[in-house]
Amino acid sequence: MGADHDRGCLMSNLYKALIFTAIPIVLLSLVSVFSKQPDLNKGLGIAWLVAGNIWLIALLTALGFYIRKSKEIARGVLAGAMIGFASLAITMIIFIIVHQTE
């Protein structure tokens, strides 16, 4: 079951971890852009705060996997968290620009 089994897998653990970490953060941060409320504590802006909390949990999860010596999964979670961080930063800038022009 060693290397031959890994070659037959459709996706490695790294890519699975990356996808399952990045998708929720990116989707929630994109949803927050469509908020009509200028306050992040109301409307769809809450989605951005939830995405930020998921990002923090992802960092702690990556640390846990790294400590458990599952470095491939830790790298995937960390890569997904960095993609999520980029989406959080970009959507926050968009949110600020949109609501300052109103």
PDB file of N, CA and C in Angstrom:
ATOM      1  N   MET A   1       0.812  -1.202   0.000  1.00  0.00           N
ATOM      2  CA  MET A   1       0.000   0.000   0.000  1.00  0.00           C
ATOM      3  C   MET A   1       0.848   1.256   0.000  1.00  0.00           C
ATOM      4  N   GLY A   2       2.074   1.295  -0.176  1.00  0.00           N
ATOM      5  CA  GLY A   2       2.931   2.464  -0.055  1.00  0.00           C
ATOM      6  C   GLY A   2       2.807   3.416  -1.217  1.00  0.00           C
ATOM      7  N   ALA A   3       3.903   3.541  -1.968  1.00  0.00           N
ATOM      8  CA  ALA A   3       3.978   4.528  -3.034  1.00  0.00           C
ATOM      9  C   ALA A   3       3.034   4.202  -4.188  1.00  0.00           C
ATOM     10  N   ASP A   4       2.821   2.911  -4.465  1.00  0.00           N
ATOM     11  CA  ASP A   4       1.912   2.545  -5.549  1.00  0.00           C
ATOM     12  C   ASP A   4       0.488   2.994  -5.261  1.00  0.00           C
ATOM     13  N   HIS A   5       0.083   2.891  -4.014  1.00  0.00           N
ATOM     14  CA  HIS A   5      -1.267   3.318  -3.641  1.00  0.00           C
ATOM     15  C   HIS A   5      -1.414   4.829  -3.791  1.00  0.00           C
ATOM     16  N   ASP A   6      -0.381   5.591  -3.423  1.00  0.00           N
ATOM     17  CA  ASP A   6      -0.446   7.051  -3.511  1.00  0.00           C
ATOM     18  C   ASP A   6      -0.529   7.527  -4.954  1.00  0.00           C
ATOM     19  N   ARG A   7       0.123   6.823  -5.876  1.00  0.00           N
ATOM     20  CA  ARG A   7       0.096   7.232  -7.273  1.00  0.00           C
ATOM     21  C   ARG A   7      -1.285   7.041  -7.894  1.00  0.00           C
ATOM     22  N   GLY A   8      -2.047   6.088  -7.391  1.00  0.00           N
ATOM     23  CA  GLY A   8      -3.363   5.814  -7.939  1.00  0.00           C
ATOM     24  C   GLY A   8      -4.442   6.753  -7.433  1.00  0.00           C
ATOM     25  N   CYS A   9      -4.147   7.528  -6.418  1.00  0.00           N
ATOM     26  CA  CYS A   9      -5.149   8.446  -5.861  1.00  0.00           C
ATOM     27  C   CYS A   9      -5.394   9.600  -6.818  1.00  0.00           C
ATOM     28  N   LEU A  10      -6.635  10.023  -6.874  1.00  0.00           N
ATOM     29  CA  LEU A  10      -6.989  11.139  -7.740  1.00  0.00           C
ATOM     30  C   LEU A  10      -6.379  12.444  -7.232  1.00  0.00           C
ATOM     31  N   MET A  11      -6.445  12.667  -5.931  1.00  0.00           N
ATOM     32  CA  MET A  11      -5.879  13.867  -5.324  1.00  0.00           C
ATOM     33  C   MET A  11      -5.087  13.474  -4.082  1.00  0.00           C
ATOM     34  N   SER A  12      -3.976  14.133  -3.886  1.00  0.00           N
ATOM     35  CA  SER A  12      -3.192  13.863  -2.693  1.00  0.00           C
ATOM     36  C   SER A  12      -3.810  14.568  -1.495  1.00  0.00           C
ATOM     37  N   ASN A  13      -3.349  14.218  -0.315  1.00  0.00           N
ATOM     38  CA  ASN A  13      -3.836  14.856   0.907  1.00  0.00           C
ATOM     39  C   ASN A  13      -3.561  16.355   0.907  1.00  0.00           C
ATOM     40  N   LEU A  14      -2.454  16.757   0.295  1.00  0.00           N
ATOM     41  CA  LEU A  14      -2.111  18.179   0.227  1.00  0.00           C
ATOM     42  C   LEU A  14      -3.195  18.945  -0.517  1.00  0.00           C
ATOM     43  N   TYR A  15      -3.598  18.450  -1.679  1.00  0.00           N
ATOM     44  CA  TYR A  15      -4.605  19.155  -2.472  1.00  0.00           C
ATOM     45  C   TYR A  15      -5.980  19.098  -1.828  1.00  0.00           C
ATOM     46  N   LYS A  16      -6.306  17.984  -1.207  1.00  0.00           N
ATOM     47  CA  LYS A  16      -7.582  17.893  -0.499  1.00  0.00           C
ATOM     48  C   LYS A  16      -7.635  18.928   0.623  1.00  0.00           C
ATOM     49  N   ALA A  17      -6.576  19.010   1.399  1.00  0.00           N
ATOM     50  CA  ALA A  17      -6.523  19.971   2.511  1.00  0.00           C
ATOM     51  C   ALA A  17      -6.596  21.395   1.987  1.00  0.00           C
ATOM     52  N   LEU A  18      -5.899  21.669   0.894  1.00  0.00           N
ATOM     53  CA  LEU A  18      -5.910  23.005   0.311  1.00  0.00           C
ATOM     54  C   LEU A  18      -7.321  23.378  -0.136  1.00  0.00           C
ATOM     55  N   ILE A  19      -7.978  22.492  -0.852  1.00  0.00           N
ATOM     56  CA  ILE A  19      -9.319  22.777  -1.371  1.00  0.00           C
ATOM     57  C   ILE A  19     -10.331  22.931  -0.243  1.00  0.00           C
ATOM     58  N   PHE A  20     -10.305  22.005   0.723  1.00  0.00           N
ATOM     59  CA  PHE A  20     -11.293  22.052   1.803  1.00  0.00           C
ATOM     60  C   PHE A  20     -11.056  23.208   2.765  1.00  0.00           C
ATOM     61  N   THR A  21      -9.878  23.786   2.737  1.00  0.00           N
ATOM     62  CA  THR A  21      -9.613  24.962   3.566  1.00  0.00           C
ATOM     63  C   THR A  21      -9.955  26.247   2.813  1.00  0.00           C
ATOM     64  N   ALA A  22      -9.539  26.336   1.567  1.00  0.00           N
ATOM     65  CA  ALA A  22      -9.687  27.584   0.816  1.00  0.00           C
ATOM     66  C   ALA A  22     -11.132  27.873   0.405  1.00  0.00           C
ATOM     67  N   ILE A  23     -11.867  26.857  -0.022  1.00  0.00           N
ATOM     68  CA  ILE A  23     -13.206  27.097  -0.575  1.00  0.00           C
ATOM     69  C   ILE A  23     -14.150  27.795   0.411  1.00  0.00           C
ATOM     70  N   PRO A  24     -14.298  27.320   1.650  1.00  0.00           N
ATOM     71  CA  PRO A  24     -15.231  28.023   2.548  1.00  0.00           C
ATOM     72  C   PRO A  24     -14.828  29.466   2.840  1.00  0.00           C
ATOM     73  N   ILE A  25     -13.537  29.694   2.999  1.00  0.00           N
ATOM     74  CA  ILE A  25     -13.082  31.052   3.303  1.00  0.00           C
ATOM     75  C   ILE A  25     -13.324  31.977   2.119  1.00  0.00           C
ATOM     76  N   VAL A  26     -12.983  31.519   0.926  1.00  0.00           N
ATOM     77  CA  VAL A  26     -13.155  32.345  -0.275  1.00  0.00           C
ATOM     78  C   VAL A  26     -14.635  32.611  -0.538  1.00  0.00           C
ATOM     79  N   LEU A  27     -15.473  31.588  -0.429  1.00  0.00           N
ATOM     80  CA  LEU A  27     -16.904  31.780  -0.683  1.00  0.00           C
ATOM     81  C   LEU A  27     -17.535  32.756   0.305  1.00  0.00           C
ATOM     82  N   LEU A  28     -17.227  32.599   1.581  1.00  0.00           N
ATOM     83  CA  LEU A  28     -17.802  33.504   2.576  1.00  0.00           C
ATOM     84  C   LEU A  28     -17.306  34.937   2.399  1.00  0.00           C
ATOM     85  N   SER A  29     -16.038  35.084   2.054  1.00  0.00           N
ATOM     86  CA  SER A  29     -15.535  36.448   1.860  1.00  0.00           C
ATOM     87  C   SER A  29     -16.132  37.076   0.606  1.00  0.00           C
ATOM     88  N   LEU A  30     -16.396  36.287  -0.432  1.00  0.00           N
ATOM     89  CA  LEU A  30     -17.052  36.825  -1.622  1.00  0.00           C
ATOM     90  C   LEU A  30     -18.502  37.205  -1.342  1.00  0.00           C
ATOM     91  N   VAL A  31     -19.180  36.411  -0.531  1.00  0.00           N
ATOM     92  CA  VAL A  31     -20.566  36.719  -0.165  1.00  0.00           C
ATOM     93  C   VAL A  31     -20.633  38.056   0.561  1.00  0.00           C
ATOM     94  N   SER A  32     -19.638  38.351   1.371  1.00  0.00           N
ATOM     95  CA  SER A  32     -19.656  39.592   2.150  1.00  0.00           C
ATOM     96  C   SER A  32     -19.572  40.839   1.277  1.00  0.00           C
ATOM     97  N   VAL A  33     -19.038  40.705   0.077  1.00  0.00           N
ATOM     98  CA  VAL A  33     -18.929  41.859  -0.819  1.00  0.00           C
ATOM     99  C   VAL A  33     -20.313  42.373  -1.214  1.00  0.00           C
ATOM    100  N   PHE A  34     -21.296  41.484  -1.255  1.00  0.00           N
ATOM    101  CA  PHE A  34     -22.632  41.871  -1.691  1.00  0.00           C
ATOM    102  C   PHE A  34     -23.496  42.428  -0.571  1.00  0.00           C
ATOM    103  N   SER A  35     -22.901  42.676   0.580  1.00  0.00           N
ATOM    104  CA  SER A  35     -23.646  43.223   1.709  1.00  0.00           C
ATOM    105  C   SER A  35     -24.042  44.668   1.428  1.00  0.00           C
ATOM    106  N   LYS A  36     -25.272  44.997   1.727  1.00  0.00           N
ATOM    107  CA  LYS A  36     -25.761  46.372   1.560  1.00  0.00           C
ATOM    108  C   LYS A  36     -25.476  47.215   2.798  1.00  0.00           C
ATOM    109  N   GLN A  37     -25.084  46.570   3.891  1.00  0.00           N
ATOM    110  CA  GLN A  37     -24.819  47.275   5.146  1.00  0.00           C
ATOM    111  C   GLN A  37     -23.363  47.742   5.182  1.00  0.00           C
ATOM    112  N   PRO A  38     -23.101  48.997   5.546  1.00  0.00           N
ATOM    113  CA  PRO A  38     -21.722  49.456   5.657  1.00  0.00           C
ATOM    114  C   PRO A  38     -21.013  48.933   6.918  1.00  0.00           C
ATOM    115  N   ASP A  39     -21.770  48.300   7.799  1.00  0.00           N
ATOM    116  CA  ASP A  39     -21.218  47.775   9.042  1.00  0.00           C
ATOM    117  C   ASP A  39     -21.005  46.272   8.898  1.00  0.00           C
ATOM    118  N   LEU A  40     -19.818  45.790   9.244  1.00  0.00           N
ATOM    119  CA  LEU A  40     -19.526  44.361   9.123  1.00  0.00           C
ATOM    120  C   LEU A  40     -20.323  43.512  10.101  1.00  0.00           C
ATOM    121  N   ASN A  41     -20.892  44.117  11.119  1.00  0.00           N
ATOM    122  CA  ASN A  41     -21.652  43.352  12.111  1.00  0.00           C
ATOM    123  C   ASN A  41     -23.109  43.150  11.711  1.00  0.00           C
ATOM    124  N   LYS A  42     -23.485  43.594  10.526  1.00  0.00           N
ATOM    125  CA  LYS A  42     -24.865  43.457  10.065  1.00  0.00           C
ATOM    126  C   LYS A  42     -24.880  42.874   8.662  1.00  0.00           C
ATOM    127  N   GLY A  43     -25.989  42.292   8.296  1.00  0.00           N
ATOM    128  CA  GLY A  43     -26.177  41.800   6.934  1.00  0.00           C
ATOM    129  C   GLY A  43     -25.174  40.715   6.563  1.00  0.00           C
ATOM    130  N   LEU A  44     -24.793  40.726   5.300  1.00  0.00           N
ATOM    131  CA  LEU A  44     -23.867  39.718   4.799  1.00  0.00           C
ATOM    132  C   LEU A  44     -22.427  39.971   5.241  1.00  0.00           C
ATOM    133  N   GLY A  45     -22.186  41.122   5.844  1.00  0.00           N
ATOM    134  CA  GLY A  45     -20.851  41.412   6.364  1.00  0.00           C
ATOM    135  C   GLY A  45     -20.423  40.430   7.430  1.00  0.00           C
ATOM    136  N   ILE A  46     -21.397  39.813   8.071  1.00  0.00           N
ATOM    137  CA  ILE A  46     -21.083  38.793   9.076  1.00  0.00           C
ATOM    138  C   ILE A  46     -20.363  37.616   8.434  1.00  0.00           C
ATOM    139  N   ALA A  47     -20.657  37.355   7.159  1.00  0.00           N
ATOM    140  CA  ALA A  47     -19.987  36.258   6.450  1.00  0.00           C
ATOM    141  C   ALA A  47     -18.476  36.488   6.426  1.00  0.00           C
ATOM    142  N   TRP A  48     -18.055  37.745   6.310  1.00  0.00           N
ATOM    143  CA  TRP A  48     -16.630  38.039   6.311  1.00  0.00           C
ATOM    144  C   TRP A  48     -16.012  37.709   7.671  1.00  0.00           C
ATOM    145  N   LEU A  49     -16.723  38.049   8.736  1.00  0.00           N
ATOM    146  CA  LEU A  49     -16.225  37.749  10.083  1.00  0.00           C
ATOM    147  C   LEU A  49     -16.152  36.244  10.318  1.00  0.00           C
ATOM    148  N   VAL A  50     -17.136  35.507   9.816  1.00  0.00           N
ATOM    149  CA  VAL A  50     -17.112  34.044   9.933  1.00  0.00           C
ATOM    150  C   VAL A  50     -15.925  33.487   9.151  1.00  0.00           C
ATOM    151  N   ALA A  51     -15.691  34.020   7.954  1.00  0.00           N
ATOM    152  CA  ALA A  51     -14.547  33.571   7.151  1.00  0.00           C
ATOM    153  C   ALA A  51     -13.231  33.843   7.885  1.00  0.00           C
ATOM    154  N   GLY A  52     -13.147  34.984   8.546  1.00  0.00           N
ATOM    155  CA  GLY A  52     -11.943  35.292   9.325  1.00  0.00           C
ATOM    156  C   GLY A  52     -11.736  34.312  10.470  1.00  0.00           C
ATOM    157  N   ASN A  53     -12.820  33.914  11.107  1.00  0.00           N
ATOM    158  CA  ASN A  53     -12.708  32.913  12.182  1.00  0.00           C
ATOM    159  C   ASN A  53     -12.297  31.553  11.636  1.00  0.00           C
ATOM    160  N   ILE A  54     -12.829  31.179  10.483  1.00  0.00           N
ATOM    161  CA  ILE A  54     -12.425  29.917   9.856  1.00  0.00           C
ATOM    162  C   ILE A  54     -10.946  29.971   9.515  1.00  0.00           C
ATOM    163  N   TRP A  55     -10.468  31.147   9.067  1.00  0.00           N
ATOM    164  CA  TRP A  55      -9.055  31.302   8.746  1.00  0.00           C
ATOM    165  C   TRP A  55      -8.183  31.070   9.989  1.00  0.00           C
ATOM    166  N   LEU A  56      -8.595  31.629  11.124  1.00  0.00           N
ATOM    167  CA  LEU A  56      -7.840  31.420  12.366  1.00  0.00           C
ATOM    168  C   LEU A  56      -7.840  29.942  12.771  1.00  0.00           C
ATOM    169  N   ILE A  57      -8.993  29.296  12.631  1.00  0.00           N
ATOM    170  CA  ILE A  57      -9.090  27.869  12.950  1.00  0.00           C
ATOM    171  C   ILE A  57      -8.196  27.060  12.008  1.00  0.00           C
ATOM    172  N   ALA A  58      -8.125  27.471  10.747  1.00  0.00           N
ATOM    173  CA  ALA A  58      -7.270  26.770   9.783  1.00  0.00           C
ATOM    174  C   ALA A  58      -5.797  26.860  10.185  1.00  0.00           C
ATOM    175  N   LEU A  59      -5.380  28.021  10.678  1.00  0.00           N
ATOM    176  CA  LEU A  59      -3.992  28.152  11.125  1.00  0.00           C
ATOM    177  C   LEU A  59      -3.701  27.218  12.299  1.00  0.00           C
ATOM    178  N   LEU A  60      -4.624  27.146  13.245  1.00  0.00           N
ATOM    179  CA  LEU A  60      -4.437  26.241  14.386  1.00  0.00           C
ATOM    180  C   LEU A  60      -4.470  24.776  13.940  1.00  0.00           C
ATOM    181  N   THR A  61      -5.316  24.470  12.975  1.00  0.00           N
ATOM    182  CA  THR A  61      -5.388  23.111  12.443  1.00  0.00           C
ATOM    183  C   THR A  61      -4.083  22.734  11.757  1.00  0.00           C
ATOM    184  N   ALA A  62      -3.531  23.651  10.980  1.00  0.00           N
ATOM    185  CA  ALA A  62      -2.249  23.393  10.315  1.00  0.00           C
ATOM    186  C   ALA A  62      -1.155  23.136  11.343  1.00  0.00           C
ATOM    187  N   LEU A  63      -1.154  23.913  12.409  1.00  0.00           N
ATOM    188  CA  LEU A  63      -0.175  23.700  13.478  1.00  0.00           C
ATOM    189  C   LEU A  63      -0.351  22.323  14.105  1.00  0.00           C
ATOM    190  N   GLY A  64      -1.607  21.924  14.341  1.00  0.00           N
ATOM    191  CA  GLY A  64      -1.876  20.609  14.913  1.00  0.00           C
ATOM    192  C   GLY A  64      -1.391  19.477  14.019  1.00  0.00           C
ATOM    193  N   PHE A  65      -1.648  19.593  12.712  1.00  0.00           N
ATOM    194  CA  PHE A  65      -1.185  18.557  11.781  1.00  0.00           C
ATOM    195  C   PHE A  65       0.337  18.538  11.700  1.00  0.00           C
ATOM    196  N   TYR A  66       0.960  19.712  11.786  1.00  0.00           N
ATOM    197  CA  TYR A  66       2.428  19.763  11.751  1.00  0.00           C
ATOM    198  C   TYR A  66       3.014  19.084  12.987  1.00  0.00           C
ATOM    199  N   ILE A  67       2.414  19.320  14.146  1.00  0.00           N
ATOM    200  CA  ILE A  67       2.885  18.690  15.377  1.00  0.00           C
ATOM    201  C   ILE A  67       2.711  17.169  15.312  1.00  0.00           C
ATOM    202  N   ARG A  68       1.605  16.722  14.689  1.00  0.00           N
ATOM    203  CA  ARG A  68       1.335  15.282  14.555  1.00  0.00           C
ATOM    204  C   ARG A  68       2.173  14.638  13.464  1.00  0.00           C
ATOM    205  N   LYS A  69       3.056  15.386  12.839  1.00  0.00           N
ATOM    206  CA  LYS A  69       3.947  14.901  11.786  1.00  0.00           C
ATOM    207  C   LYS A  69       3.217  14.586  10.483  1.00  0.00           C
ATOM    208  N   SER A  70       2.046  15.183  10.283  1.00  0.00           N
ATOM    209  CA  SER A  70       1.329  15.062   9.009  1.00  0.00           C
ATOM    210  C   SER A  70       1.635  16.326   8.203  1.00  0.00           C
ATOM    211  N   LYS A  71       2.877  16.440   7.777  1.00  0.00           N
ATOM    212  CA  LYS A  71       3.337  17.684   7.173  1.00  0.00           C
ATOM    213  C   LYS A  71       2.682  17.973   5.830  1.00  0.00           C
ATOM    214  N   GLU A  72       2.327  16.933   5.069  1.00  0.00           N
ATOM    215  CA  GLU A  72       1.675  17.163   3.782  1.00  0.00           C
ATOM    216  C   GLU A  72       0.310  17.819   3.982  1.00  0.00           C
ATOM    217  N   ILE A  73      -0.454  17.326   4.939  1.00  0.00           N
ATOM    218  CA  ILE A  73      -1.761  17.914   5.223  1.00  0.00           C
ATOM    219  C   ILE A  73      -1.587  19.320   5.798  1.00  0.00           C
ATOM    220  N   ALA A  74      -0.600  19.493   6.670  1.00  0.00           N
ATOM    221  CA  ALA A  74      -0.345  20.816   7.252  1.00  0.00           C
ATOM    222  C   ALA A  74      -0.013  21.826   6.162  1.00  0.00           C
ATOM    223  N   ARG A  75       0.788  21.419   5.181  1.00  0.00           N
ATOM    224  CA  ARG A  75       1.121  22.328   4.073  1.00  0.00           C
ATOM    225  C   ARG A  75      -0.122  22.680   3.257  1.00  0.00           C
ATOM    226  N   GLY A  76      -0.987  21.703   3.028  1.00  0.00           N
ATOM    227  CA  GLY A  76      -2.213  21.959   2.280  1.00  0.00           C
ATOM    228  C   GLY A  76      -3.140  22.911   3.011  1.00  0.00           C
ATOM    229  N   VAL A  77      -3.308  22.692   4.314  1.00  0.00           N
ATOM    230  CA  VAL A  77      -4.167  23.577   5.109  1.00  0.00           C
ATOM    231  C   VAL A  77      -3.572  24.983   5.136  1.00  0.00           C
ATOM    232  N   LEU A  78      -2.266  25.079   5.294  1.00  0.00           N
ATOM    233  CA  LEU A  78      -1.611  26.386   5.325  1.00  0.00           C
ATOM    234  C   LEU A  78      -1.727  27.095   3.976  1.00  0.00           C
ATOM    235  N   ALA A  79      -1.567  26.357   2.883  1.00  0.00           N
ATOM    236  CA  ALA A  79      -1.728  26.961   1.548  1.00  0.00           C
ATOM    237  C   ALA A  79      -3.165  27.441   1.352  1.00  0.00           C
ATOM    238  N   GLY A  80      -4.134  26.639   1.780  1.00  0.00           N
ATOM    239  CA  GLY A  80      -5.536  27.052   1.691  1.00  0.00           C
ATOM    240  C   GLY A  80      -5.816  28.266   2.551  1.00  0.00           C
ATOM    241  N   ALA A  81      -5.199  28.323   3.718  1.00  0.00           N
ATOM    242  CA  ALA A  81      -5.376  29.475   4.604  1.00  0.00           C
ATOM    243  C   ALA A  81      -4.779  30.739   3.980  1.00  0.00           C
ATOM    244  N   MET A  82      -3.663  30.603   3.282  1.00  0.00           N
ATOM    245  CA  MET A  82      -3.061  31.773   2.641  1.00  0.00           C
ATOM    246  C   MET A  82      -3.911  32.259   1.469  1.00  0.00           C
ATOM    247  N   ILE A  83      -4.502  31.327   0.719  1.00  0.00           N
ATOM    248  CA  ILE A  83      -5.438  31.720  -0.339  1.00  0.00           C
ATOM    249  C   ILE A  83      -6.635  32.426   0.295  1.00  0.00           C
ATOM    250  N   GLY A  84      -7.120  31.870   1.400  1.00  0.00           N
ATOM    251  CA  GLY A  84      -8.226  32.485   2.120  1.00  0.00           C
ATOM    252  C   GLY A  84      -7.870  33.862   2.638  1.00  0.00           C
ATOM    253  N   PHE A  85      -6.657  34.030   3.153  1.00  0.00           N
ATOM    254  CA  PHE A  85      -6.224  35.339   3.645  1.00  0.00           C
ATOM    255  C   PHE A  85      -6.210  36.358   2.514  1.00  0.00           C
ATOM    256  N   ALA A  86      -5.726  35.944   1.347  1.00  0.00           N
ATOM    257  CA  ALA A  86      -5.708  36.850   0.197  1.00  0.00           C
ATOM    258  C   ALA A  86      -7.126  37.264  -0.181  1.00  0.00           C
ATOM    259  N   SER A  87      -8.053  36.312  -0.163  1.00  0.00           N
ATOM    260  CA  SER A  87      -9.439  36.655  -0.509  1.00  0.00           C
ATOM    261  C   SER A  87     -10.060  37.555   0.559  1.00  0.00           C
ATOM    262  N   LEU A  88      -9.732  37.329   1.823  1.00  0.00           N
ATOM    263  CA  LEU A  88     -10.229  38.198   2.887  1.00  0.00           C
ATOM    264  C   LEU A  88      -9.706  39.623   2.714  1.00  0.00           C
ATOM    265  N   ALA A  89      -8.428  39.751   2.403  1.00  0.00           N
ATOM    266  CA  ALA A  89      -7.828  41.079   2.226  1.00  0.00           C
ATOM    267  C   ALA A  89      -8.432  41.795   1.027  1.00  0.00           C
ATOM    268  N   ILE A  90      -8.571  41.087  -0.085  1.00  0.00           N
ATOM    269  CA  ILE A  90      -9.112  41.703  -1.296  1.00  0.00           C
ATOM    270  C   ILE A  90     -10.565  42.118  -1.092  1.00  0.00           C
ATOM    271  N   THR A  91     -11.356  41.232  -0.495  1.00  0.00           N
ATOM    272  CA  THR A  91     -12.768  41.576  -0.301  1.00  0.00           C
ATOM    273  C   THR A  91     -12.941  42.685   0.734  1.00  0.00           C
ATOM    274  N   MET A  92     -12.049  42.781   1.708  1.00  0.00           N
ATOM    275  CA  MET A  92     -12.122  43.883   2.668  1.00  0.00           C
ATOM    276  C   MET A  92     -11.835  45.211   1.971  1.00  0.00           C
ATOM    277  N   ILE A  93     -10.861  45.221   1.087  1.00  0.00           N
ATOM    278  CA  ILE A  93     -10.557  46.437   0.330  1.00  0.00           C
ATOM    279  C   ILE A  93     -11.750  46.823  -0.548  1.00  0.00           C
ATOM    280  N   ILE A  94     -12.343  45.852  -1.222  1.00  0.00           N
ATOM    281  CA  ILE A  94     -13.523  46.117  -2.049  1.00  0.00           C
ATOM    282  C   ILE A  94     -14.665  46.638  -1.186  1.00  0.00           C
ATOM    283  N   PHE A  95     -14.880  46.015  -0.028  1.00  0.00           N
ATOM    284  CA  PHE A  95     -15.945  46.411   0.894  1.00  0.00           C
ATOM    285  C   PHE A  95     -15.756  47.872   1.319  1.00  0.00           C
ATOM    286  N   ILE A  96     -14.534  48.241   1.664  1.00  0.00           N
ATOM    287  CA  ILE A  96     -14.244  49.610   2.098  1.00  0.00           C
ATOM    288  C   ILE A  96     -14.459  50.597   0.959  1.00  0.00           C
ATOM    289  N   ILE A  97     -13.985  50.272  -0.233  1.00  0.00           N
ATOM    290  CA  ILE A  97     -14.129  51.172  -1.375  1.00  0.00           C
ATOM    291  C   ILE A  97     -15.599  51.369  -1.728  1.00  0.00           C
ATOM    292  N   VAL A  98     -16.350  50.279  -1.767  1.00  0.00           N
ATOM    293  CA  VAL A  98     -17.772  50.364  -2.127  1.00  0.00           C
ATOM    294  C   VAL A  98     -18.547  51.188  -1.126  1.00  0.00           C
ATOM    295  N   HIS A  99     -18.294  50.988   0.158  1.00  0.00           N
ATOM    296  CA  HIS A  99     -19.083  51.684   1.168  1.00  0.00           C
ATOM    297  C   HIS A  99     -18.593  53.096   1.461  1.00  0.00           C
ATOM    298  N   GLN A 100     -17.397  53.458   1.034  1.00  0.00           N
ATOM    299  CA  GLN A 100     -16.953  54.844   1.179  1.00  0.00           C
ATOM    300  C   GLN A 100     -17.512  55.720   0.082  1.00  0.00           C
ATOM    301  N   THR A 101     -17.831  55.118  -1.055  1.00  0.00           N
ATOM    302  CA  THR A 101     -18.372  55.910  -2.160  1.00  0.00           C
ATOM    303  C   THR A 101     -19.873  56.143  -2.018  1.00  0.00           C
ATOM    304  N   GLU A 102     -20.513  55.466  -1.079  1.00  0.00           N
ATOM    305  CA  GLU A 102     -21.960  55.633  -0.877  1.00  0.00           C
ATOM    306  C   GLU A 102     -22.254  56.860  -0.052  1.00  0.00           C
TER     307      GLU A 102
END
